[in-house]
Protein backbone atom coordinates (compact mmCIF):
# COMPACT_ATOMS: atom_id res chain seq x y z
CA MET A 1 23.37 -56.21 -158.73
CA THR A 2 23.08 -52.43 -159.37
CA GLN A 3 22.97 -49.87 -156.54
CA ILE A 4 19.02 -49.53 -157.48
CA ASP A 5 18.56 -53.39 -157.19
CA TRP A 6 20.24 -53.85 -154.01
CA TYR A 7 18.66 -50.84 -152.46
CA LEU A 8 15.01 -52.06 -153.59
CA GLN A 9 15.47 -55.51 -152.51
CA ILE A 10 17.53 -55.31 -149.24
CA ASN A 11 17.01 -51.79 -147.78
CA LEU A 12 13.47 -50.43 -149.00
CA LYS A 13 10.67 -50.40 -146.24
CA ALA A 14 6.92 -49.75 -146.01
CA ARG A 15 7.82 -46.35 -144.34
CA HIS A 16 9.59 -45.26 -147.52
CA LEU A 17 6.52 -46.07 -149.61
CA ARG A 18 4.40 -43.97 -147.21
CA LEU A 19 7.07 -41.10 -147.15
CA ILE A 20 7.31 -40.76 -150.97
CA THR A 21 3.72 -40.90 -151.64
CA ALA A 22 3.10 -38.38 -148.61
CA LEU A 23 5.62 -36.19 -150.25
CA TYR A 24 4.01 -36.32 -153.70
CA ASP A 25 0.34 -35.80 -152.41
CA HIS A 26 1.34 -32.65 -150.14
CA GLY A 27 4.32 -31.34 -152.13
CA ASN A 28 5.67 -29.88 -149.06
CA LEU A 29 7.87 -30.91 -146.04
CA LYS A 30 6.32 -29.20 -143.42
CA GLN A 31 2.61 -30.73 -144.25
CA VAL A 32 4.08 -34.04 -144.40
CA ALA A 33 5.86 -33.45 -141.16
CA GLU A 34 2.79 -32.34 -139.36
CA SER A 35 0.68 -35.26 -140.87
CA SER A 36 3.53 -37.96 -139.86
CA HIS A 37 3.79 -36.35 -136.48
CA VAL A 38 7.82 -35.83 -136.84
CA THR A 39 9.95 -32.94 -137.57
CA VAL A 40 10.65 -31.33 -140.79
CA PRO A 41 14.34 -32.11 -140.44
CA ALA A 42 13.50 -35.83 -139.95
CA VAL A 43 11.47 -35.84 -143.02
CA SER A 44 14.28 -33.84 -144.85
CA LYS A 45 16.66 -36.50 -143.74
CA ALA A 46 14.46 -39.43 -144.65
CA LEU A 47 14.11 -38.25 -148.17
CA ALA A 48 17.87 -37.63 -148.48
CA GLU A 49 18.66 -41.02 -147.24
CA LEU A 50 16.05 -42.63 -149.80
CA GLU A 51 17.59 -40.62 -152.79
CA LYS A 52 21.21 -41.52 -151.57
CA GLY A 53 20.22 -45.14 -151.33
CA LEU A 54 18.78 -45.21 -154.80
CA GLY A 55 21.32 -42.99 -156.47
CA LEU A 56 18.45 -41.12 -157.73
CA GLU A 57 16.90 -37.52 -157.33
CA LEU A 58 13.30 -38.16 -156.62
CA PHE A 59 12.18 -34.92 -156.11
CA THR A 60 13.25 -31.19 -157.21
CA ARG A 61 13.29 -28.65 -154.60
CA THR A 62 11.55 -25.16 -155.73
CA ALA A 63 10.00 -22.20 -154.18
CA GLN A 64 6.77 -23.77 -154.54
CA GLY A 65 7.63 -26.88 -152.88
CA LEU A 66 8.66 -30.61 -154.03
CA ARG A 67 8.32 -31.21 -157.40
CA PRO A 68 8.32 -35.07 -158.36
CA THR A 69 11.13 -35.88 -161.12
CA ALA A 70 10.57 -38.84 -163.51
CA TYR A 71 11.98 -41.04 -161.08
CA GLY A 72 9.80 -39.80 -158.35
CA GLU A 73 6.76 -40.33 -160.54
CA CYS A 74 7.92 -43.65 -161.33
CA LEU A 75 8.43 -45.02 -157.74
CA VAL A 76 5.28 -43.28 -156.44
CA ARG A 77 3.09 -45.11 -158.60
CA HIS A 78 4.49 -48.35 -157.70
CA ALA A 79 4.61 -47.37 -154.21
CA ARG A 80 0.89 -46.91 -154.18
CA THR A 81 0.46 -50.40 -155.53
CA LEU A 82 2.51 -51.85 -153.12
CA LEU A 83 0.83 -50.08 -150.17
CA THR A 84 -2.43 -51.31 -151.66
CA GLU A 85 -1.32 -54.74 -151.64
CA LEU A 86 0.01 -54.57 -147.97
CA HIS A 87 -3.36 -53.13 -146.76
CA GLN A 88 -5.08 -56.00 -148.55
CA ALA A 89 -2.72 -58.71 -147.10
CA ARG A 90 -3.44 -56.94 -143.64
CA ASP A 91 -7.32 -57.23 -144.15
CA GLU A 92 -7.12 -60.71 -145.43
CA LEU A 93 -4.75 -61.92 -142.40
CA ASN A 94 -7.10 -60.20 -139.84
CA SER A 95 -9.98 -61.72 -141.37
CA LEU A 96 -8.37 -65.38 -141.21
CA SER A 97 -7.21 -64.66 -137.58
CA SER A 98 -10.84 -63.83 -136.74
CA GLY A 99 -12.27 -66.98 -138.40
CA ALA A 100 -13.83 -65.00 -141.36
CA VAL A 101 -12.93 -66.38 -144.86
CA GLY A 102 -12.00 -63.09 -146.31
CA LYS A 103 -13.45 -59.65 -147.60
CA ILE A 104 -14.24 -58.86 -151.07
CA HIS A 105 -14.07 -55.32 -152.37
CA ILE A 106 -16.56 -54.92 -155.32
CA GLY A 107 -16.90 -51.98 -157.64
CA ALA A 108 -20.31 -51.61 -158.70
CA PHE A 109 -21.96 -49.69 -161.67
CA PRO A 110 -25.04 -48.17 -160.31
CA ALA A 111 -27.82 -50.33 -162.28
CA ALA A 112 -26.12 -53.61 -160.86
CA THR A 113 -26.99 -52.35 -157.37
CA SER A 114 -30.60 -52.98 -157.89
CA MET A 115 -31.09 -56.79 -158.43
CA LEU A 116 -28.15 -58.56 -159.75
CA LEU A 117 -25.55 -57.68 -157.09
CA PRO A 118 -27.85 -58.08 -153.87
CA GLN A 119 -28.98 -61.25 -154.90
CA ALA A 120 -25.45 -62.37 -155.51
CA ILE A 121 -24.44 -61.20 -152.12
CA ALA A 122 -27.39 -62.94 -150.38
CA ILE A 123 -26.17 -66.40 -152.14
CA LEU A 124 -22.66 -65.62 -151.01
CA LYS A 125 -23.81 -65.15 -147.50
CA GLN A 126 -25.75 -68.43 -147.26
CA ARG A 127 -22.67 -70.12 -148.64
CA SER A 128 -20.09 -68.39 -146.64
CA PRO A 129 -21.59 -66.18 -143.92
CA HIS A 130 -18.23 -65.03 -142.83
CA THR A 131 -16.88 -63.82 -146.19
CA ASN A 132 -17.49 -60.13 -145.95
CA VAL A 133 -18.18 -57.64 -148.89
CA LEU A 134 -17.31 -54.00 -149.11
CA VAL A 135 -19.27 -52.37 -152.26
CA THR A 136 -18.31 -49.03 -153.88
CA GLU A 137 -20.64 -47.61 -156.52
CA GLY A 138 -18.97 -45.64 -159.36
CA THR A 139 -18.47 -45.32 -163.32
CA ALA A 140 -16.36 -47.02 -165.58
CA GLN A 141 -14.09 -43.93 -165.43
CA THR A 142 -13.44 -44.08 -161.58
CA LEU A 143 -13.76 -47.87 -161.03
CA LEU A 144 -11.64 -49.48 -163.74
CA PRO A 145 -8.69 -47.63 -162.74
CA GLU A 146 -9.24 -48.99 -159.17
CA LEU A 147 -9.51 -52.50 -160.50
CA TRP A 148 -6.19 -52.02 -162.52
CA GLN A 149 -4.59 -50.73 -159.29
CA GLY A 150 -5.73 -53.58 -157.08
CA ARG A 151 -8.15 -51.33 -154.71
CA VAL A 152 -11.01 -53.28 -155.93
CA ASP A 153 -11.20 -57.27 -156.53
CA LEU A 154 -14.15 -57.29 -159.06
CA VAL A 155 -16.08 -54.63 -160.83
CA VAL A 156 -19.84 -55.65 -161.63
CA GLY A 157 -22.12 -54.15 -164.04
CA ARG A 158 -22.77 -53.21 -167.84
CA LEU A 159 -19.35 -54.53 -169.59
CA PRO A 160 -17.69 -51.53 -171.15
CA LEU A 161 -16.39 -51.56 -174.64
CA ARG A 162 -13.64 -54.09 -175.14
CA SER A 163 -11.22 -51.29 -175.98
CA ALA A 164 -11.78 -49.88 -172.61
CA ALA A 165 -11.45 -53.29 -171.17
CA ASP A 166 -7.97 -54.05 -172.38
CA GLY A 167 -6.07 -55.77 -169.45
CA PHE A 168 -8.97 -57.14 -167.84
CA GLU A 169 -10.62 -60.63 -167.88
CA GLU A 170 -14.60 -60.70 -168.11
CA ARG A 171 -17.42 -63.01 -167.77
CA GLU A 172 -20.65 -62.20 -169.24
CA LEU A 173 -23.50 -62.77 -166.86
CA LEU A 174 -26.89 -61.34 -167.90
CA GLU A 175 -28.44 -60.31 -171.20
CA ASP A 176 -30.36 -57.23 -170.14
CA PRO A 177 -31.65 -54.96 -173.14
CA VAL A 178 -31.90 -51.11 -172.79
CA GLN A 179 -35.46 -50.00 -172.66
CA LEU A 180 -37.49 -46.78 -172.51
CA MET A 181 -39.65 -46.80 -169.40
CA THR A 182 -42.31 -44.43 -167.87
CA ARG A 183 -44.54 -44.82 -164.76
CA HIS A 184 -47.64 -46.76 -165.50
CA GLN A 185 -50.02 -43.30 -165.19
CA HIS A 186 -47.75 -41.85 -168.07
CA PRO A 187 -50.00 -40.37 -171.03
CA LEU A 188 -48.00 -43.01 -173.34
CA ALA A 189 -48.06 -45.93 -170.96
CA ARG A 190 -51.19 -47.67 -172.35
CA ARG A 191 -50.37 -46.85 -176.23
CA LYS A 192 -50.01 -50.13 -178.13
CA ARG A 193 -48.01 -48.34 -180.86
CA LEU A 194 -45.68 -45.31 -180.76
CA LYS A 195 -43.58 -43.30 -182.99
CA TRP A 196 -40.32 -41.76 -182.06
CA SER A 197 -41.75 -38.30 -182.45
CA ASP A 198 -44.45 -39.01 -179.62
CA LEU A 199 -41.63 -38.69 -177.21
CA GLN A 200 -40.35 -35.44 -177.89
CA PRO A 201 -42.96 -33.27 -175.71
CA TYR A 202 -41.88 -35.09 -172.45
CA PRO A 203 -39.08 -34.58 -169.94
CA TRP A 204 -36.17 -37.28 -169.75
CA ILE A 205 -33.76 -38.88 -167.61
CA LEU A 206 -30.67 -39.33 -169.26
CA PRO A 207 -27.21 -41.06 -168.68
CA PRO A 208 -24.55 -38.36 -167.89
CA ALA A 209 -22.32 -37.37 -170.81
CA GLY A 210 -19.18 -39.71 -170.87
CA SER A 211 -21.18 -42.77 -169.38
CA ILE A 212 -21.19 -45.91 -171.52
CA LEU A 213 -24.87 -45.57 -172.60
CA ARG A 214 -24.86 -41.91 -173.49
CA ALA A 215 -23.13 -41.84 -176.92
CA PRO A 216 -25.06 -44.91 -178.21
CA LEU A 217 -28.39 -43.26 -177.19
CA GLU A 218 -27.43 -40.03 -178.83
CA ARG A 219 -26.66 -41.93 -182.15
CA THR A 220 -30.10 -43.70 -181.90
CA LEU A 221 -32.03 -40.63 -181.33
CA GLU A 222 -30.40 -39.08 -184.18
CA GLU A 223 -31.41 -42.17 -186.36
CA HIS A 224 -34.98 -41.47 -185.65
CA GLY A 225 -34.63 -38.06 -186.53
CA MET A 226 -34.86 -36.57 -182.91
CA THR A 227 -32.40 -34.31 -181.16
CA LEU A 228 -31.53 -34.65 -177.61
CA PRO A 229 -34.07 -33.34 -175.35
CA ASN A 230 -33.61 -30.06 -173.61
CA ASN A 231 -35.62 -30.83 -170.57
CA TYR A 232 -33.72 -33.55 -168.55
CA VAL A 233 -32.30 -34.78 -165.42
CA GLU A 234 -28.77 -36.53 -165.83
CA THR A 235 -28.00 -39.32 -163.29
CA LEU A 236 -26.63 -42.81 -163.09
CA SER A 237 -28.61 -43.62 -160.15
CA THR A 238 -31.22 -46.15 -160.58
CA HIS A 239 -32.97 -45.61 -157.27
CA LEU A 240 -33.25 -41.79 -158.01
CA ALA A 241 -34.32 -42.48 -161.80
CA ARG A 242 -37.08 -44.70 -160.62
CA ALA A 243 -38.23 -42.08 -157.89
CA TYR A 244 -38.36 -39.41 -160.45
CA LEU A 245 -40.34 -41.36 -162.90
CA HIS A 246 -43.04 -42.33 -160.36
CA VAL A 247 -43.87 -38.62 -159.65
CA THR A 248 -43.29 -36.94 -163.01
CA ASP A 249 -43.92 -37.82 -166.93
CA ALA A 250 -40.49 -38.32 -167.62
CA ILE A 251 -38.99 -41.03 -169.84
CA ALA A 252 -36.00 -42.99 -168.85
CA VAL A 253 -33.35 -45.34 -170.61
CA MET A 254 -32.64 -48.00 -168.47
CA ALA A 255 -32.25 -51.68 -168.37
CA GLY A 256 -35.19 -53.97 -168.79
CA ALA A 257 -34.59 -55.72 -165.49
CA VAL A 258 -35.40 -52.45 -163.70
CA ALA A 259 -38.94 -52.50 -164.92
CA ALA A 260 -39.63 -55.85 -163.56
CA ASP A 261 -39.00 -54.77 -159.96
CA ALA A 262 -42.27 -55.84 -158.29
CA SER A 263 -42.08 -53.46 -155.48
CA GLU A 264 -42.07 -50.56 -158.01
CA PRO A 265 -43.20 -51.72 -161.50
CA LEU A 266 -42.59 -49.55 -164.53
CA THR A 267 -44.04 -49.61 -168.08
CA VAL A 268 -41.66 -50.31 -171.09
CA LEU A 269 -42.72 -48.40 -174.21
CA PRO A 270 -43.42 -50.48 -177.30
CA LEU A 271 -40.39 -48.83 -179.27
CA SER A 272 -37.86 -51.12 -180.64
CA PHE A 273 -34.50 -50.41 -179.17
CA PRO A 274 -31.19 -51.71 -180.68
CA HIS A 275 -28.62 -53.31 -178.53
CA LEU A 276 -26.96 -50.37 -177.41
CA MET A 277 -25.01 -52.01 -174.82
CA ARG A 278 -23.13 -55.25 -173.79
CA PRO A 279 -24.35 -57.55 -171.28
CA ARG A 280 -24.05 -57.27 -167.76
CA GLY A 281 -21.17 -59.08 -166.24
CA VAL A 282 -18.11 -59.28 -164.03
CA LEU A 283 -14.41 -57.67 -164.66
CA TRP A 284 -11.28 -58.54 -162.87
CA ASN A 285 -7.62 -57.71 -163.36
CA ARG A 286 -6.06 -60.61 -165.39
CA ASN A 287 -2.45 -59.60 -163.91
CA ARG A 288 -3.69 -60.40 -160.12
CA GLY A 289 -4.73 -63.73 -158.75
CA LEU A 290 -8.22 -64.01 -157.59
CA THR A 291 -8.72 -64.78 -153.91
CA PRO A 292 -10.97 -67.49 -152.86
CA GLY A 293 -13.35 -65.07 -151.81
CA ALA A 294 -13.42 -63.42 -155.20
CA GLU A 295 -13.61 -66.58 -157.02
CA LEU A 296 -16.53 -67.43 -154.93
CA MET A 297 -18.49 -64.29 -155.51
CA ILE A 298 -18.00 -64.95 -159.28
CA ALA A 299 -19.76 -68.21 -159.07
CA CYS A 300 -22.45 -66.38 -156.88
CA LEU A 301 -22.98 -63.84 -159.45
CA GLU A 302 -23.44 -66.37 -162.08
CA GLU A 303 -26.05 -68.27 -159.81
CA ALA A 304 -27.90 -65.05 -159.33
CA ALA A 305 -27.60 -64.04 -163.13
CA ALA A 306 -29.26 -67.42 -164.07
CA GLY A 307 -32.08 -66.97 -161.62
CA LEU A 308 -32.74 -63.45 -163.23
CA GLN A 309 -32.53 -64.79 -166.83
CA ASN A 310 -34.89 -67.47 -166.15
CA ARG A 311 -37.88 -65.32 -164.70
């Protein structure tokens, strides 16, 4: 057994993990001491003991503060994962001890929060009232790293390109094509036939640059001889997009299920839109086992999707 093996298996404690991540985040002994309510010499001593135990220099001392070495970068990365696992274990144990089945942390792309996810959660609560849910909205750029690191259990929404989903398991849930939408009172809403050029005079609601839909949308407009509109609002918020459509003559690019919401119906314009996007679905990290609550949530998502597909 090497020195590193011995120290990691026998002596490494959760306080060491918290110390090294705090040092990485602050880069300053004094700030770490203040946030930990200990003295600077105590922090310095703890770091020295950790480095001596591993036989590695984790941080370089500079005039600007502490700079992590390659060893420090490596250990911090794994420390964050281990601390996340410990926090999840704590939450699950607390839930079980209080009579709850567990807690599921779901990352959701904004469009998923309008119909699919609320209905799935309602089904979940009917089956298991004490299984609790934390939902965090975000984009693929923010949520997929969280899923990889174990900070969320599932990600629900439009499935990303397969190249971006490497390392994840996925399940397709709902074919929901992207369509062009307006309010019912829009000048184009009653037209039976439209040309792409008819859209040019109107403002748009666009997905932000870098989002899953933006690049395919730009290609589609180019194929029909249109440039990207210069009068637009960018958002991923379905709620904002719907509200803005109802008070303007804007045109939005959104999933078809959004138009079917009976509370605030929208008009789908009669233009053929190609399959720009993959179906809606759910993703999880194949390297981490699903909790019973997460497995139940997937089953509820499948039931909710089936109900929406059959409407």
